[in-house]
Amino acid sequence: MKKKKKVDLKVLLKRGLLCVLVLYMGYLLIAQQFDLARLGKENDVLDSKIAEAQKAHDELTQEKEDAETPEYIERVAREKLGYMKPEEKVFIDSKKQ
């Protein structure tokens, strides 16, 4: 004859609660890993945007510094405005027209 074991309700509830708690902690750990991966990618994208903006800023700063030099002013006057010095001889290429 087999004896039936008595099921202790308190022990069963404690074990069930412990299983639920372990599963919940596992879920939180996995969810945080996904969040960390997503935030890491966002951080990389933002770092590259910052680097591009810094490069553009450096180029504009250099251009601003160059704009105050006589060489830059002369180059802009020649290239963009078509100016020349009074003593210069200008040759026009007839093939370009």
PDB file of N, CA and C in Angstrom:
ATOM      1  N   MET A   1       0.798  -1.174   0.000  1.00  0.00           N
ATOM      2  CA  MET A   1       0.000   0.000   0.000  1.00  0.00           C
ATOM      3  C   MET A   1       0.857   1.261   0.000  1.00  0.00           C
ATOM      4  N   LYS A   2       0.484   2.157  -0.888  1.00  0.00           N
ATOM      5  CA  LYS A   2       1.233   3.403  -0.976  1.00  0.00           C
ATOM      6  C   LYS A   2       0.563   4.444  -0.101  1.00  0.00           C
ATOM      7  N   LYS A   3       1.409   5.188   0.534  1.00  0.00           N
ATOM      8  CA  LYS A   3       0.875   6.257   1.358  1.00  0.00           C
ATOM      9  C   LYS A   3       0.810   7.528   0.520  1.00  0.00           C
ATOM     10  N   LYS A   4      -0.277   8.226   0.640  1.00  0.00           N
ATOM     11  CA  LYS A   4      -0.381   9.502  -0.068  1.00  0.00           C
ATOM     12  C   LYS A   4       0.369  10.562   0.725  1.00  0.00           C
ATOM     13  N   LYS A   5       1.143  11.322  -0.009  1.00  0.00           N
ATOM     14  CA  LYS A   5       1.869  12.404   0.649  1.00  0.00           C
ATOM     15  C   LYS A   5       0.940  13.596   0.759  1.00  0.00           C
ATOM     16  N   LYS A   6       1.028  14.231   1.863  1.00  0.00           N
ATOM     17  CA  LYS A   6       0.234  15.433   2.067  1.00  0.00           C
ATOM     18  C   LYS A   6       0.924  16.589   1.365  1.00  0.00           C
ATOM     19  N   VAL A   7       0.168  17.353   0.635  1.00  0.00           N
ATOM     20  CA  VAL A   7       0.719  18.524  -0.046  1.00  0.00           C
ATOM     21  C   VAL A   7       0.579  19.703   0.902  1.00  0.00           C
ATOM     22  N   ASP A   8       1.729  20.265   1.229  1.00  0.00           N
ATOM     23  CA  ASP A   8       1.712  21.426   2.121  1.00  0.00           C
ATOM     24  C   ASP A   8       1.499  22.670   1.266  1.00  0.00           C
ATOM     25  N   LEU A   9       0.410  23.361   1.482  1.00  0.00           N
ATOM     26  CA  LEU A   9       0.028  24.519   0.683  1.00  0.00           C
ATOM     27  C   LEU A   9       1.022  25.668   0.833  1.00  0.00           C
ATOM     28  N   LYS A  10       1.558  25.885   2.028  1.00  0.00           N
ATOM     29  CA  LYS A  10       2.513  26.981   2.255  1.00  0.00           C
ATOM     30  C   LYS A  10       3.797  26.751   1.462  1.00  0.00           C
ATOM     31  N   VAL A  11       4.294  25.544   1.462  1.00  0.00           N
ATOM     32  CA  VAL A  11       5.525  25.229   0.728  1.00  0.00           C
ATOM     33  C   VAL A  11       5.284  25.374  -0.767  1.00  0.00           C
ATOM     34  N   LEU A  12       4.139  24.921  -1.228  1.00  0.00           N
ATOM     35  CA  LEU A  12       3.803  25.031  -2.641  1.00  0.00           C
ATOM     36  C   LEU A  12       3.707  26.486  -3.075  1.00  0.00           C
ATOM     37  N   LEU A  13       3.093  27.333  -2.264  1.00  0.00           N
ATOM     38  CA  LEU A  13       2.993  28.764  -2.577  1.00  0.00           C
ATOM     39  C   LEU A  13       4.365  29.429  -2.572  1.00  0.00           C
ATOM     40  N   LYS A  14       5.206  29.070  -1.621  1.00  0.00           N
ATOM     41  CA  LYS A  14       6.553  29.652  -1.553  1.00  0.00           C
ATOM     42  C   LYS A  14       7.360  29.280  -2.800  1.00  0.00           C
ATOM     43  N   ARG A  15       7.278  28.014  -3.185  1.00  0.00           N
ATOM     44  CA  ARG A  15       8.018  27.578  -4.382  1.00  0.00           C
ATOM     45  C   ARG A  15       7.463  28.238  -5.643  1.00  0.00           C
ATOM     46  N   GLY A  16       6.149  28.347  -5.728  1.00  0.00           N
ATOM     47  CA  GLY A  16       5.531  29.016  -6.880  1.00  0.00           C
ATOM     48  C   GLY A  16       5.937  30.478  -6.952  1.00  0.00           C
ATOM     49  N   LEU A  17       5.923  31.151  -5.801  1.00  0.00           N
ATOM     50  CA  LEU A  17       6.329  32.556  -5.748  1.00  0.00           C
ATOM     51  C   LEU A  17       7.800  32.702  -6.131  1.00  0.00           C
ATOM     52  N   LEU A  18       8.631  31.786  -5.649  1.00  0.00           N
ATOM     53  CA  LEU A  18      10.055  31.824  -5.991  1.00  0.00           C
ATOM     54  C   LEU A  18      10.259  31.624  -7.493  1.00  0.00           C
ATOM     55  N   CYS A  19       9.520  30.711  -8.099  1.00  0.00           N
ATOM     56  CA  CYS A  19       9.629  30.487  -9.549  1.00  0.00           C
ATOM     57  C   CYS A  19       9.198  31.726 -10.331  1.00  0.00           C
ATOM     58  N   VAL A  20       8.097  32.342  -9.898  1.00  0.00           N
ATOM     59  CA  VAL A  20       7.626  33.556 -10.562  1.00  0.00           C
ATOM     60  C   VAL A  20       8.661  34.662 -10.424  1.00  0.00           C
ATOM     61  N   LEU A  21       9.254  34.788  -9.253  1.00  0.00           N
ATOM     62  CA  LEU A  21      10.262  35.821  -9.017  1.00  0.00           C
ATOM     63  C   LEU A  21      11.497  35.595  -9.891  1.00  0.00           C
ATOM     64  N   VAL A  22      11.943  34.353  -9.994  1.00  0.00           N
ATOM     65  CA  VAL A  22      13.116  34.038 -10.821  1.00  0.00           C
ATOM     66  C   VAL A  22      12.815  34.326 -12.295  1.00  0.00           C
ATOM     67  N   LEU A  23      11.634  33.943 -12.757  1.00  0.00           N
ATOM     68  CA  LEU A  23      11.258  34.223 -14.149  1.00  0.00           C
ATOM     69  C   LEU A  23      11.186  35.726 -14.418  1.00  0.00           C
ATOM     70  N   TYR A  24      10.633  36.467 -13.474  1.00  0.00           N
ATOM     71  CA  TYR A  24      10.531  37.918 -13.645  1.00  0.00           C
ATOM     72  C   TYR A  24      11.919  38.562 -13.690  1.00  0.00           C
ATOM     73  N   MET A  25      12.811  38.109 -12.821  1.00  0.00           N
ATOM     74  CA  MET A  25      14.176  38.661 -12.815  1.00  0.00           C
ATOM     75  C   MET A  25      14.885  38.328 -14.136  1.00  0.00           C
ATOM     76  N   GLY A  26      14.663  37.124 -14.653  1.00  0.00           N
ATOM     77  CA  GLY A  26      15.246  36.759 -15.948  1.00  0.00           C
ATOM     78  C   GLY A  26      14.711  37.637 -17.067  1.00  0.00           C
ATOM     79  N   TYR A  27      13.416  37.897 -17.039  1.00  0.00           N
ATOM     80  CA  TYR A  27      12.805  38.779 -18.039  1.00  0.00           C
ATOM     81  C   TYR A  27      13.419  40.173 -17.961  1.00  0.00           C
ATOM     82  N   LEU A  28      13.560  40.701 -16.742  1.00  0.00           N
ATOM     83  CA  LEU A  28      14.150  42.036 -16.579  1.00  0.00           C
ATOM     84  C   LEU A  28      15.580  42.079 -17.100  1.00  0.00           C
ATOM     85  N   LEU A  29      16.344  41.051 -16.827  1.00  0.00           N
ATOM     86  CA  LEU A  29      17.731  41.007 -17.280  1.00  0.00           C
ATOM     87  C   LEU A  29      17.813  41.016 -18.804  1.00  0.00           C
ATOM     88  N   ILE A  30      16.994  40.213 -19.445  1.00  0.00           N
ATOM     89  CA  ILE A  30      16.996  40.157 -20.908  1.00  0.00           C
ATOM     90  C   ILE A  30      16.519  41.480 -21.504  1.00  0.00           C
ATOM     91  N   ALA A  31      15.471  42.061 -20.920  1.00  0.00           N
ATOM     92  CA  ALA A  31      14.953  43.340 -21.422  1.00  0.00           C
ATOM     93  C   ALA A  31      16.005  44.435 -21.292  1.00  0.00           C
ATOM     94  N   GLN A  32      16.744  44.427 -20.204  1.00  0.00           N
ATOM     95  CA  GLN A  32      17.789  45.438 -20.018  1.00  0.00           C
ATOM     96  C   GLN A  32      18.921  45.259 -21.020  1.00  0.00           C
ATOM     97  N   GLN A  33      19.233  44.031 -21.365  1.00  0.00           N
ATOM     98  CA  GLN A  33      20.271  43.795 -22.363  1.00  0.00           C
ATOM     99  C   GLN A  33      19.872  44.368 -23.723  1.00  0.00           C
ATOM    100  N   PHE A  34      18.595  44.188 -24.082  1.00  0.00           N
ATOM    101  CA  PHE A  34      18.117  44.761 -25.338  1.00  0.00           C
ATOM    102  C   PHE A  34      18.158  46.289 -25.288  1.00  0.00           C
ATOM    103  N   ASP A  35      17.766  46.857 -24.153  1.00  0.00           N
ATOM    104  CA  ASP A  35      17.806  48.310 -24.005  1.00  0.00           C
ATOM    105  C   ASP A  35      19.235  48.834 -24.086  1.00  0.00           C
ATOM    106  N   LEU A  36      20.164  48.133 -23.447  1.00  0.00           N
ATOM    107  CA  LEU A  36      21.564  48.558 -23.495  1.00  0.00           C
ATOM    108  C   LEU A  36      22.120  48.500 -24.916  1.00  0.00           C
ATOM    109  N   ALA A  37      21.764  47.473 -25.649  1.00  0.00           N
ATOM    110  CA  ALA A  37      22.232  47.359 -27.031  1.00  0.00           C
ATOM    111  C   ALA A  37      21.666  48.499 -27.875  1.00  0.00           C
ATOM    112  N   ARG A  38      20.377  48.804 -27.701  1.00  0.00           N
ATOM    113  CA  ARG A  38      19.747  49.884 -28.466  1.00  0.00           C
ATOM    114  C   ARG A  38      20.374  51.231 -28.108  1.00  0.00           C
ATOM    115  N   LEU A  39      20.588  51.464 -26.825  1.00  0.00           N
ATOM    116  CA  LEU A  39      21.189  52.727 -26.401  1.00  0.00           C
ATOM    117  C   LEU A  39      22.644  52.842 -26.856  1.00  0.00           C
ATOM    118  N   GLY A  40      23.346  51.717 -26.915  1.00  0.00           N
ATOM    119  CA  GLY A  40      24.721  51.738 -27.419  1.00  0.00           C
ATOM    120  C   GLY A  40      24.766  52.154 -28.881  1.00  0.00           C
ATOM    121  N   LYS A  41      23.817  51.646 -29.681  1.00  0.00           N
ATOM    122  CA  LYS A  41      23.757  52.031 -31.094  1.00  0.00           C
ATOM    123  C   LYS A  41      23.411  53.509 -31.232  1.00  0.00           C
ATOM    124  N   GLU A  42      22.461  53.978 -30.429  1.00  0.00           N
ATOM    125  CA  GLU A  42      22.106  55.405 -30.468  1.00  0.00           C
ATOM    126  C   GLU A  42      23.303  56.256 -30.080  1.00  0.00           C
ATOM    127  N   ASN A  43      24.061  55.810 -29.100  1.00  0.00           N
ATOM    128  CA  ASN A  43      25.242  56.547 -28.667  1.00  0.00           C
ATOM    129  C   ASN A  43      26.273  56.629 -29.786  1.00  0.00           C
ATOM    130  N   ASP A  44      26.474  55.538 -30.520  1.00  0.00           N
ATOM    131  CA  ASP A  44      27.419  55.543 -31.641  1.00  0.00           C
ATOM    132  C   ASP A  44      26.976  56.518 -32.730  1.00  0.00           C
ATOM    133  N   VAL A  45      25.669  56.539 -33.016  1.00  0.00           N
ATOM    134  CA  VAL A  45      25.144  57.452 -34.036  1.00  0.00           C
ATOM    135  C   VAL A  45      25.356  58.897 -33.593  1.00  0.00           C
ATOM    136  N   LEU A  46      25.054  59.172 -32.336  1.00  0.00           N
ATOM    137  CA  LEU A  46      25.222  60.537 -31.834  1.00  0.00           C
ATOM    138  C   LEU A  46      26.691  60.939 -31.791  1.00  0.00           C
ATOM    139  N   ASP A  47      27.575  60.005 -31.459  1.00  0.00           N
ATOM    140  CA  ASP A  47      29.008  60.312 -31.467  1.00  0.00           C
ATOM    141  C   ASP A  47      29.488  60.673 -32.872  1.00  0.00           C
ATOM    142  N   SER A  48      28.987  59.953 -33.883  1.00  0.00           N
ATOM    143  CA  SER A  48      29.402  60.269 -35.252  1.00  0.00           C
ATOM    144  C   SER A  48      28.841  61.625 -35.683  1.00  0.00           C
ATOM    145  N   LYS A  49      27.619  61.955 -35.257  1.00  0.00           N
ATOM    146  CA  LYS A  49      27.060  63.273 -35.579  1.00  0.00           C
ATOM    147  C   LYS A  49      27.853  64.377 -34.903  1.00  0.00           C
ATOM    148  N   ILE A  50      28.269  64.135 -33.676  1.00  0.00           N
ATOM    149  CA  ILE A  50      29.086  65.124 -32.961  1.00  0.00           C
ATOM    150  C   ILE A  50      30.415  65.314 -33.674  1.00  0.00           C
ATOM    151  N   ALA A  51      31.031  64.224 -34.126  1.00  0.00           N
ATOM    152  CA  ALA A  51      32.307  64.325 -34.842  1.00  0.00           C
ATOM    153  C   ALA A  51      32.145  65.104 -36.141  1.00  0.00           C
ATOM    154  N   GLU A  52      31.047  64.860 -36.873  1.00  0.00           N
ATOM    155  CA  GLU A  52      30.799  65.604 -38.109  1.00  0.00           C
ATOM    156  C   GLU A  52      30.581  67.082 -37.823  1.00  0.00           C
ATOM    157  N   ALA A  53      29.822  67.374 -36.782  1.00  0.00           N
ATOM    158  CA  ALA A  53      29.564  68.772 -36.427  1.00  0.00           C
ATOM    159  C   ALA A  53      30.848  69.466 -35.984  1.00  0.00           C
ATOM    160  N   GLN A  54      31.706  68.753 -35.255  1.00  0.00           N
ATOM    161  CA  GLN A  54      32.972  69.328 -34.822  1.00  0.00           C
ATOM    162  C   GLN A  54      33.868  69.610 -36.029  1.00  0.00           C
ATOM    163  N   LYS A  55      33.872  68.698 -36.994  1.00  0.00           N
ATOM    164  CA  LYS A  55      34.674  68.895 -38.209  1.00  0.00           C
ATOM    165  C   LYS A  55      34.176  70.118 -38.981  1.00  0.00           C
ATOM    166  N   ALA A  56      32.852  70.236 -39.128  1.00  0.00           N
ATOM    167  CA  ALA A  56      32.281  71.389 -39.824  1.00  0.00           C
ATOM    168  C   ALA A  56      32.603  72.674 -39.076  1.00  0.00           C
ATOM    169  N   HIS A  57      32.549  72.615 -37.752  1.00  0.00           N
ATOM    170  CA  HIS A  57      32.873  73.793 -36.937  1.00  0.00           C
ATOM    171  C   HIS A  57      34.330  74.201 -37.135  1.00  0.00           C
ATOM    172  N   ASP A  58      35.220  73.217 -37.136  1.00  0.00           N
ATOM    173  CA  ASP A  58      36.648  73.515 -37.340  1.00  0.00           C
ATOM    174  C   ASP A  58      36.893  74.124 -38.717  1.00  0.00           C
ATOM    175  N   GLU A  59      36.218  73.587 -39.743  1.00  0.00           N
ATOM    176  CA  GLU A  59      36.376  74.132 -41.095  1.00  0.00           C
ATOM    177  C   GLU A  59      35.868  75.571 -41.167  1.00  0.00           C
ATOM    178  N   LEU A  60      34.729  75.837 -40.549  1.00  0.00           N
ATOM    179  CA  LEU A  60      34.188  77.199 -40.562  1.00  0.00           C
ATOM    180  C   LEU A  60      35.072  78.158 -39.769  1.00  0.00           C
ATOM    181  N   THR A  61      35.627  77.674 -38.671  1.00  0.00           N
ATOM    182  CA  THR A  61      36.536  78.514 -37.885  1.00  0.00           C
ATOM    183  C   THR A  61      37.774  78.855 -38.703  1.00  0.00           C
ATOM    184  N   GLN A  62      38.313  77.866 -39.405  1.00  0.00           N
ATOM    185  CA  GLN A  62      39.493  78.113 -40.246  1.00  0.00           C
ATOM    186  C   GLN A  62      39.149  79.079 -41.376  1.00  0.00           C
ATOM    187  N   GLU A  63      37.979  78.898 -41.977  1.00  0.00           N
ATOM    188  CA  GLU A  63      37.560  79.798 -43.058  1.00  0.00           C
ATOM    189  C   GLU A  63      37.375  81.222 -42.536  1.00  0.00           C
ATOM    190  N   LYS A  64      36.853  81.350 -41.327  1.00  0.00           N
ATOM    191  CA  LYS A  64      36.684  82.678 -40.730  1.00  0.00           C
ATOM    192  C   LYS A  64      38.037  83.340 -40.497  1.00  0.00           C
ATOM    193  N   GLU A  65      39.003  82.547 -40.007  1.00  0.00           N
ATOM    194  CA  GLU A  65      40.346  83.092 -39.795  1.00  0.00           C
ATOM    195  C   GLU A  65      40.995  83.465 -41.122  1.00  0.00           C
ATOM    196  N   ASP A  66      40.794  82.633 -42.148  1.00  0.00           N
ATOM    197  CA  ASP A  66      41.381  82.906 -43.456  1.00  0.00           C
ATOM    198  C   ASP A  66      40.731  84.123 -44.118  1.00  0.00           C
ATOM    199  N   ALA A  67      39.484  84.391 -43.791  1.00  0.00           N
ATOM    200  CA  ALA A  67      38.767  85.494 -44.432  1.00  0.00           C
ATOM    201  C   ALA A  67      39.373  86.847 -44.106  1.00  0.00           C
ATOM    202  N   GLU A  68      40.147  86.899 -43.068  1.00  0.00           N
ATOM    203  CA  GLU A  68      40.763  88.166 -42.677  1.00  0.00           C
ATOM    204  C   GLU A  68      42.125  88.391 -43.325  1.00  0.00           C
ATOM    205  N   THR A  69      42.631  87.420 -44.064  1.00  0.00           N
ATOM    206  CA  THR A  69      43.946  87.567 -44.686  1.00  0.00           C
ATOM    207  C   THR A  69      43.802  88.214 -46.062  1.00  0.00           C
ATOM    208  N   PRO A  70      44.796  88.990 -46.476  1.00  0.00           N
ATOM    209  CA  PRO A  70      44.751  89.628 -47.792  1.00  0.00           C
ATOM    210  C   PRO A  70      44.720  88.616 -48.944  1.00  0.00           C
ATOM    211  N   GLU A  71      45.365  87.471 -48.761  1.00  0.00           N
ATOM    212  CA  GLU A  71      45.379  86.457 -49.818  1.00  0.00           C
ATOM    213  C   GLU A  71      43.966  85.921 -50.082  1.00  0.00           C
ATOM    214  N   TYR A  72      43.215  85.705 -49.026  1.00  0.00           N
ATOM    215  CA  TYR A  72      41.847  85.200 -49.183  1.00  0.00           C
ATOM    216  C   TYR A  72      40.971  86.249 -49.872  1.00  0.00           C
ATOM    217  N   ILE A  73      41.104  87.482 -49.444  1.00  0.00           N
ATOM    218  CA  ILE A  73      40.311  88.563 -50.041  1.00  0.00           C
ATOM    219  C   ILE A  73      40.628  88.687 -51.525  1.00  0.00           C
ATOM    220  N   GLU A  74      41.904  88.587 -51.877  1.00  0.00           N
ATOM    221  CA  GLU A  74      42.306  88.683 -53.285  1.00  0.00           C
ATOM    222  C   GLU A  74      41.746  87.498 -54.084  1.00  0.00           C
ATOM    223  N   ARG A  75      41.810  86.303 -53.510  1.00  0.00           N
ATOM    224  CA  ARG A  75      41.307  85.119 -54.213  1.00  0.00           C
ATOM    225  C   ARG A  75      39.800  85.222 -54.458  1.00  0.00           C
ATOM    226  N   VAL A  76      39.065  85.671 -53.461  1.00  0.00           N
ATOM    227  CA  VAL A  76      37.612  85.819 -53.623  1.00  0.00           C
ATOM    228  C   VAL A  76      37.308  86.882 -54.671  1.00  0.00           C
ATOM    229  N   ALA A  77      38.058  87.992 -54.651  1.00  0.00           N
ATOM    230  CA  ALA A  77      37.833  89.061 -55.622  1.00  0.00           C
ATOM    231  C   ALA A  77      38.096  88.555 -57.044  1.00  0.00           C
ATOM    232  N   ARG A  78      39.096  87.721 -57.224  1.00  0.00           N
ATOM    233  CA  ARG A  78      39.422  87.202 -58.545  1.00  0.00           C
ATOM    234  C   ARG A  78      38.411  86.142 -58.994  1.00  0.00           C
ATOM    235  N   GLU A  79      38.156  85.152 -58.131  1.00  0.00           N
ATOM    236  CA  GLU A  79      37.339  84.010 -58.531  1.00  0.00           C
ATOM    237  C   GLU A  79      35.850  84.326 -58.587  1.00  0.00           C
ATOM    238  N   LYS A  80      35.345  85.012 -57.591  1.00  0.00           N
ATOM    239  CA  LYS A  80      33.899  85.199 -57.509  1.00  0.00           C
ATOM    240  C   LYS A  80      33.424  86.522 -58.105  1.00  0.00           C
ATOM    241  N   LEU A  81      34.264  87.533 -58.011  1.00  0.00           N
ATOM    242  CA  LEU A  81      33.837  88.844 -58.488  1.00  0.00           C
ATOM    243  C   LEU A  81      34.439  89.215 -59.841  1.00  0.00           C
ATOM    244  N   GLY A  82      35.459  88.477 -60.271  1.00  0.00           N
ATOM    245  CA  GLY A  82      36.061  88.740 -61.573  1.00  0.00           C
ATOM    246  C   GLY A  82      36.972  89.960 -61.583  1.00  0.00           C
ATOM    247  N   TYR A  83      37.425  90.392 -60.428  1.00  0.00           N
ATOM    248  CA  TYR A  83      38.307  91.549 -60.358  1.00  0.00           C
ATOM    249  C   TYR A  83      39.728  91.159 -60.730  1.00  0.00           C
ATOM    250  N   MET A  84      40.526  92.188 -61.068  1.00  0.00           N
ATOM    251  CA  MET A  84      41.935  91.989 -61.346  1.00  0.00           C
ATOM    252  C   MET A  84      42.690  93.247 -60.964  1.00  0.00           C
ATOM    253  N   LYS A  85      43.994  93.140 -60.872  1.00  0.00           N
ATOM    254  CA  LYS A  85      44.825  94.292 -60.532  1.00  0.00           C
ATOM    255  C   LYS A  85      44.953  95.171 -61.766  1.00  0.00           C
ATOM    256  N   PRO A  86      45.119  96.462 -61.550  1.00  0.00           N
ATOM    257  CA  PRO A  86      45.175  97.385 -62.693  1.00  0.00           C
ATOM    258  C   PRO A  86      46.327  97.099 -63.661  1.00  0.00           C
ATOM    259  N   GLU A  87      47.456  96.629 -63.181  1.00  0.00           N
ATOM    260  CA  GLU A  87      48.611  96.406 -64.043  1.00  0.00           C
ATOM    261  C   GLU A  87      48.628  95.025 -64.684  1.00  0.00           C
ATOM    262  N   GLU A  88      47.638  94.205 -64.429  1.00  0.00           N
ATOM    263  CA  GLU A  88      47.606  92.864 -64.976  1.00  0.00           C
ATOM    264  C   GLU A  88      47.108  92.850 -66.408  1.00  0.00           C
ATOM    265  N   LYS A  89      47.661  91.909 -67.165  1.00  0.00           N
ATOM    266  CA  LYS A  89      47.166  91.679 -68.513  1.00  0.00           C
ATOM    267  C   LYS A  89      46.283  90.438 -68.458  1.00  0.00           C
ATOM    268  N   VAL A  90      45.106  90.542 -69.020  1.00  0.00           N
ATOM    269  CA  VAL A  90      44.152  89.451 -68.962  1.00  0.00           C
ATOM    270  C   VAL A  90      44.059  88.820 -70.340  1.00  0.00           C
ATOM    271  N   PHE A  91      44.161  87.510 -70.368  1.00  0.00           N
ATOM    272  CA  PHE A  91      44.011  86.776 -71.607  1.00  0.00           C
ATOM    273  C   PHE A  91      42.704  85.994 -71.524  1.00  0.00           C
ATOM    274  N   ILE A  92      41.907  86.117 -72.565  1.00  0.00           N
ATOM    275  CA  ILE A  92      40.608  85.433 -72.599  1.00  0.00           C
ATOM    276  C   ILE A  92      40.719  84.288 -73.596  1.00  0.00           C
ATOM    277  N   ASP A  93      40.371  83.110 -73.149  1.00  0.00           N
ATOM    278  CA  ASP A  93      40.415  81.921 -73.985  1.00  0.00           C
ATOM    279  C   ASP A  93      39.149  81.909 -74.837  1.00  0.00           C
ATOM    280  N   SER A  94      39.315  82.024 -76.134  1.00  0.00           N
ATOM    281  CA  SER A  94      38.152  82.099 -77.030  1.00  0.00           C
ATOM    282  C   SER A  94      37.454  80.733 -77.146  1.00  0.00           C
ATOM    283  N   LYS A  95      38.126  79.665 -76.807  1.00  0.00           N
ATOM    284  CA  LYS A  95      37.519  78.343 -76.910  1.00  0.00           C
ATOM    285  C   LYS A  95      36.530  78.074 -75.775  1.00  0.00           C
ATOM    286  N   LYS A  96      36.643  78.773 -74.675  1.00  0.00           N
ATOM    287  CA  LYS A  96      35.742  78.566 -73.552  1.00  0.00           C
ATOM    288  C   LYS A  96      34.363  79.141 -73.803  1.00  0.00           C
ATOM    289  N   GLN A  97      34.246  80.111 -74.657  1.00  0.00           N
ATOM    290  CA  GLN A  97      32.960  80.791 -74.871  1.00  0.00           C
ATOM    291  C   GLN A  97      32.105  79.989 -75.709  1.00  0.00           C
TER     292      GLN A  97
END
